[in-house]
Every structure is written in structure tokens, then in C-alpha cells.
Amino acid sequence: MTTEGSARDAGEDPEDRSSFRPGLRVGVPIGIVVGLVGVSFGVVGVQAGLTPLQAVVMSALVYAASGQIAAVTVVGSGGGLLPAVLASGLMSSRFLAMGLALTPSLRGNRLSRAAQGQAVVDTSWAMSNNGDGTFDRWLLFGSSAPQYVLWVAGTALGAYGGGLLGDVDRWGLDAVFPVFFLSLLLGELRGNGSRAIAAAGAVVALALIPLTPPGVPVLAASAVALVGLRRRAGGAA
């Protein structure tokens, strides 16, 4: 039996993997930027109380920049572990919807599909979207691979070599996280509904900053955003 025949019998398009290399090519420049953010995460994570090993393991297992940065920001500002974990979970909750949309395009048993879903990050998910409700999974894998490697490598570089940089304020690394979250916000402010939801979350966060412990304003603002987006989705349906 030929390789093509085997692939067809297995229910897989023999040309399915052809987009892996193009995915790698587009993923490398994005990965370089991700790696630079990883360096900042490693430095600030250690300063917030993580050991270098903990910072690297967190990046290797969690692989979610926004969630990790939210957790470290809460811990670094004096918040407890529970608010940090909840903030990280809320920031990463979008991956549930993204994973559900991707699921029909994955192959294999449940365990295999769950493993494939770990490759989902914002840029790779968007690039692999065919625009018809399906996804090119090999483009997803290819574009995510260099981002993952450079994210973990950048974290290790920042965590273990951050002491050589001295004061992060001098290098502007302290500004990376606010800019990172601002870029996420700007990406969402495309529709009038999104603007209203973002404004509501900002008002709640600003009101709670002087009244509540660190981490609570982030959680409250995230909850407002989730409720608002859910209502908007329900209205659109």
C-alpha cells in the first residue's frame, strides 16, 4: 500500500502537512518578538519572587504570555496567589473558545486532539484560519513551534541572566508589560461594543484600585469584560 493510500485510509489529506514549513517561516519573526517579551517576563518574574527555574517551567507548561504576565503583575504588586491564578485564568479564558472553534479541524483521538490544541496562540490561530470555519492545523503547528521555543528561551535568558542587566527600569523592561496589555486592548477596540466593554472594565478597575487589595481590580475588570462579551455574543446570535 502506498503512503498516499495509507494517509487516505487514515482519513488524512496527504497534502495536509505541506503548510508546516510556510508556518515555520512566518512564525520565526513573530517568535523573535515573543522571545523579547519572554526576556522581560523572566527578569520581572524573578524580581516578583519566582525562582529562575519556576519562571522557565511556568513558560514551558503554561505557554500563555498574557496569563503569565497577569499573574506576575498581581504577585509583584503585592497580591496573593489566588488573585494571581484567577487573573491568569481569566486572561487565558479566550483559548477555550478558540480551541472549540479549532476542534473540528484536528485529527486523532481525544488525547491527540488535546495535545494538538496546546499549539493554539493568538497569532497562529488567526493565521491558520481558512475563513470558512476550518483551520489549517499544520500551518498552526508550524507557526507556533518557533514562538514556543523562543518564548521559553527568552524566559530562561531573562530569568538566569537578568541579574546582569541590573535595574530593569533603566532598560525600559518595566514598560514592556503595560505596552503588551495596551496592544491587546487596541486589538480589541474595533467595534463600538468592544469600546463600551473596555471602558466599563477600565472604570471598574480604576474605582477599585484605592479600595481593594492588588489583583482584585484586574479580576473585576476581567469579569466585566467576560459578562459584556457574553451578552454581546448572545445578542448577535
Protein backbone atom coordinates (compact mmCIF):
# COMPACT_ATOMS: atom_id res chain seq x y z
CA MET A 1 0.00 0.00 0.00
CA THR A 2 1.37 3.42 -0.90
CA THR A 3 1.96 6.22 1.57
CA GLU A 4 -0.77 8.24 -0.12
CA GLY A 5 -3.15 5.31 0.18
CA SER A 6 -2.32 4.87 3.86
CA ALA A 7 -2.93 8.54 4.52
CA ARG A 8 -6.25 8.39 2.70
CA ASP A 9 -7.31 5.30 4.66
CA ALA A 10 -6.42 7.09 7.88
CA GLY A 11 -8.70 9.92 6.85
CA GLU A 12 -5.88 12.43 6.41
CA ASP A 13 -5.16 14.54 3.35
CA PRO A 14 -1.70 13.50 2.07
CA GLU A 15 -1.00 17.18 1.27
CA ASP A 16 -2.10 18.27 4.73
CA ARG A 17 1.45 18.74 6.04
CA SER A 18 2.68 20.90 3.20
CA SER A 19 1.92 24.12 5.06
CA PHE A 20 4.16 23.27 8.03
CA ARG A 21 7.28 24.86 6.55
CA PRO A 22 5.50 28.06 5.49
CA GLY A 23 4.18 28.17 9.04
CA LEU A 24 7.72 27.98 10.37
CA ARG A 25 8.80 30.83 8.10
CA VAL A 26 6.05 33.18 9.25
CA GLY A 27 6.42 32.06 12.86
CA VAL A 28 10.11 32.93 13.23
CA PRO A 29 9.83 36.75 13.06
CA ILE A 30 6.83 36.66 15.38
CA GLY A 31 8.78 34.34 17.66
CA ILE A 32 11.64 36.84 17.90
CA VAL A 33 9.25 39.46 19.27
CA VAL A 34 7.71 36.86 21.59
CA GLY A 35 11.18 35.93 22.79
CA LEU A 36 11.95 39.54 23.69
CA VAL A 37 8.76 39.69 25.75
CA GLY A 38 9.90 36.39 27.30
CA VAL A 39 13.16 38.00 28.39
CA SER A 40 11.19 40.71 30.14
CA PHE A 41 8.93 38.12 31.74
CA GLY A 42 11.93 36.18 33.03
CA VAL A 43 13.53 39.28 34.56
CA VAL A 44 10.38 40.68 36.15
CA GLY A 45 9.13 37.25 37.19
CA VAL A 46 12.26 36.63 39.24
CA GLN A 47 12.03 40.09 40.74
CA ALA A 48 8.41 39.33 41.68
CA GLY A 49 9.53 36.29 43.70
CA LEU A 50 9.79 33.38 41.27
CA THR A 51 12.99 31.37 41.11
CA PRO A 52 14.60 31.22 37.65
CA LEU A 53 13.59 27.57 37.36
CA GLN A 54 9.99 28.35 38.31
CA ALA A 55 9.82 31.10 35.68
CA VAL A 56 11.14 28.78 32.96
CA VAL A 57 8.88 25.88 33.95
CA MET A 58 5.90 28.23 34.01
CA SER A 59 6.65 29.35 30.46
CA ALA A 60 7.20 25.77 29.28
CA LEU A 61 3.96 24.44 30.79
CA VAL A 62 1.58 27.41 30.61
CA TYR A 63 2.80 28.97 27.34
CA ALA A 64 0.40 31.91 27.61
CA ALA A 65 2.10 35.28 27.72
CA SER A 66 -0.94 37.31 28.76
CA GLY A 67 -1.91 34.89 31.53
CA GLN A 68 1.64 34.61 32.86
CA ILE A 69 2.18 38.36 32.77
CA ALA A 70 -1.13 38.94 34.56
CA ALA A 71 -0.12 36.52 37.33
CA VAL A 72 3.33 38.04 37.78
CA THR A 73 1.89 41.56 37.74
CA VAL A 74 -0.53 40.70 40.53
CA VAL A 75 2.14 38.96 42.62
CA GLY A 76 4.66 41.72 42.01
CA SER A 77 2.21 44.36 43.20
CA GLY A 78 1.61 42.53 46.46
CA GLY A 79 -1.40 40.40 45.58
CA GLY A 80 -1.84 36.85 46.80
CA LEU A 81 -1.54 33.58 44.94
CA LEU A 82 -5.30 33.11 44.47
CA PRO A 83 -5.88 36.50 42.78
CA ALA A 84 -2.83 35.83 40.58
CA VAL A 85 -4.13 32.42 39.48
CA LEU A 86 -7.64 33.77 38.87
CA ALA A 87 -6.32 36.73 36.88
CA SER A 88 -4.20 34.40 34.78
CA GLY A 89 -7.15 32.10 34.17
CA LEU A 90 -9.42 34.94 33.11
CA MET A 91 -6.80 36.34 30.75
CA SER A 92 -6.38 32.91 29.15
CA SER A 93 -10.09 32.02 29.04
CA ARG A 94 -10.30 33.09 25.39
CA PHE A 95 -8.38 29.94 24.47
CA LEU A 96 -11.45 27.87 25.38
CA ALA A 97 -13.48 29.46 22.60
CA MET A 98 -10.53 29.35 20.21
CA GLY A 99 -9.95 25.68 20.97
CA LEU A 100 -13.61 24.82 20.42
CA ALA A 101 -13.52 26.53 17.03
CA LEU A 102 -10.36 24.63 16.10
CA THR A 103 -11.52 21.18 17.27
CA PRO A 104 -13.33 20.07 14.06
CA SER A 105 -10.11 20.66 12.09
CA LEU A 106 -7.99 18.40 14.32
CA ARG A 107 -7.40 14.70 13.76
CA GLY A 108 -6.96 11.68 16.00
CA ASN A 109 -8.42 10.58 19.33
CA ARG A 110 -9.29 12.88 22.21
CA LEU A 111 -5.82 12.76 23.76
CA SER A 112 -4.20 13.52 20.42
CA ARG A 113 -6.53 16.43 19.73
CA ALA A 114 -5.93 17.81 23.22
CA ALA A 115 -2.17 17.71 22.60
CA GLN A 116 -2.58 19.43 19.23
CA GLY A 117 -4.69 22.14 20.88
CA GLN A 118 -1.70 23.18 23.00
CA ALA A 119 -0.29 24.85 19.89
CA VAL A 120 -3.02 27.49 19.94
CA VAL A 121 -1.77 31.05 20.40
CA ASP A 122 -3.43 34.20 19.12
CA THR A 123 -1.28 34.84 16.04
CA SER A 124 -1.06 31.21 14.90
CA TRP A 125 -4.78 30.66 15.40
CA ALA A 126 -5.58 33.74 13.32
CA MET A 127 -3.13 32.88 10.53
CA SER A 128 -4.35 29.29 10.25
CA ASN A 129 -8.00 30.31 9.96
CA ASN A 130 -9.18 29.48 6.44
CA GLY A 131 -12.10 31.88 6.74
CA ASP A 132 -14.72 29.18 6.20
CA GLY A 133 -14.88 27.77 9.70
CA THR A 134 -11.93 25.43 9.19
CA PHE A 135 -8.27 25.72 10.16
CA ASP A 136 -5.01 24.62 8.57
CA ARG A 137 -3.62 22.69 11.52
CA TRP A 138 -0.14 22.22 10.05
CA LEU A 139 0.19 25.95 9.46
CA LEU A 140 -0.86 26.35 13.09
CA PHE A 141 1.78 23.86 14.27
CA GLY A 142 4.50 25.39 12.12
CA SER A 143 3.89 28.98 13.16
CA SER A 144 3.53 28.09 16.86
CA ALA A 145 6.71 25.99 17.10
CA PRO A 146 9.29 28.83 16.86
CA GLN A 147 7.14 31.04 19.09
CA TYR A 148 7.13 28.38 21.81
CA VAL A 149 10.86 27.71 21.58
CA LEU A 150 11.78 31.40 21.63
CA TRP A 151 9.29 32.18 24.43
CA VAL A 152 10.86 29.56 26.70
CA ALA A 153 14.39 30.50 25.62
CA GLY A 154 13.69 34.19 26.21
CA THR A 155 12.29 33.44 29.65
CA ALA A 156 15.40 31.43 30.52
CA LEU A 157 17.66 34.22 29.29
CA GLY A 158 15.83 36.81 31.35
CA ALA A 159 15.45 34.63 34.44
CA TYR A 160 19.04 33.42 34.63
CA GLY A 161 20.77 36.41 33.07
CA GLY A 162 18.56 39.19 34.36
CA GLY A 163 20.98 39.98 37.16
CA LEU A 164 23.49 41.15 34.58
CA LEU A 165 21.03 43.80 33.38
CA GLY A 166 20.75 45.48 36.75
CA ASP A 167 17.79 47.80 37.27
CA VAL A 168 15.07 46.89 34.75
CA ASP A 169 13.77 50.47 34.85
CA ARG A 170 17.00 51.64 33.25
CA TRP A 171 16.47 49.36 30.25
CA GLY A 172 12.75 50.05 29.98
CA LEU A 173 11.81 46.42 30.66
CA ASP A 174 9.33 47.59 33.27
CA ALA A 175 7.33 49.20 30.45
CA VAL A 176 7.05 46.02 28.37
CA PHE A 177 4.11 44.61 30.32
CA PRO A 178 1.93 47.76 30.19
CA VAL A 179 2.67 48.10 26.47
CA PHE A 180 1.87 44.42 25.96
CA PHE A 181 -1.56 44.76 27.58
CA LEU A 182 -2.18 48.04 25.74
CA SER A 183 -1.51 46.30 22.43
CA LEU A 184 -4.04 43.60 23.36
CA LEU A 185 -6.57 46.28 24.21
CA LEU A 186 -6.03 48.19 20.98
CA GLY A 187 -6.54 44.99 19.03
CA GLU A 188 -9.98 44.57 20.60
CA LEU A 189 -11.17 48.15 20.20
CA ARG A 190 -12.54 47.73 16.70
CA GLY A 191 -16.26 47.78 17.29
CA ASN A 192 -18.48 50.05 19.30
CA GLY A 193 -19.47 47.14 21.55
CA SER A 194 -15.84 46.37 22.36
CA ARG A 195 -15.15 50.00 23.20
CA ALA A 196 -18.07 50.11 25.61
CA ILE A 197 -16.99 46.88 27.30
CA ALA A 198 -13.38 48.07 27.61
CA ALA A 199 -14.50 51.40 29.06
CA ALA A 200 -16.71 49.65 31.62
CA GLY A 201 -13.84 47.41 32.69
CA ALA A 202 -11.48 50.37 32.99
CA VAL A 203 -13.93 52.33 35.13
CA VAL A 204 -14.41 49.38 37.49
CA ALA A 205 -10.65 48.79 37.78
CA LEU A 206 -9.88 52.45 38.48
CA ALA A 207 -12.63 52.65 41.08
CA LEU A 208 -11.36 49.57 42.93
CA ILE A 209 -7.60 50.35 42.92
CA PRO A 210 -7.68 52.55 46.05
CA LEU A 211 -10.23 50.34 47.83
CA THR A 212 -9.17 46.73 47.29
CA PRO A 213 -6.01 44.58 47.54
CA PRO A 214 -3.78 44.17 44.47
CA GLY A 215 -5.22 41.76 41.96
CA VAL A 216 -8.88 42.42 42.72
CA PRO A 217 -9.22 45.32 40.22
CA VAL A 218 -7.81 43.08 37.46
CA LEU A 219 -10.25 40.30 38.34
CA ALA A 220 -13.22 42.66 38.47
CA ALA A 221 -12.35 44.29 35.15
CA SER A 222 -11.88 40.87 33.53
CA ALA A 223 -15.24 39.71 34.88
CA VAL A 224 -16.93 42.81 33.45
CA ALA A 225 -15.34 42.10 30.07
CA LEU A 226 -16.43 38.46 30.09
CA VAL A 227 -20.03 39.34 31.01
CA GLY A 228 -20.15 42.10 28.40
CA LEU A 229 -18.75 39.92 25.63
CA ARG A 230 -21.11 37.10 26.51
CA ARG A 231 -24.10 39.40 26.31
CA ARG A 232 -22.90 40.84 23.03
CA ALA A 233 -22.45 37.34 21.59
CA GLY A 234 -25.92 36.37 22.79
CA GLY A 235 -27.40 39.46 21.20
CA ALA A 236 -25.62 38.76 17.92
CA ALA A 237 -26.98 35.22 17.91
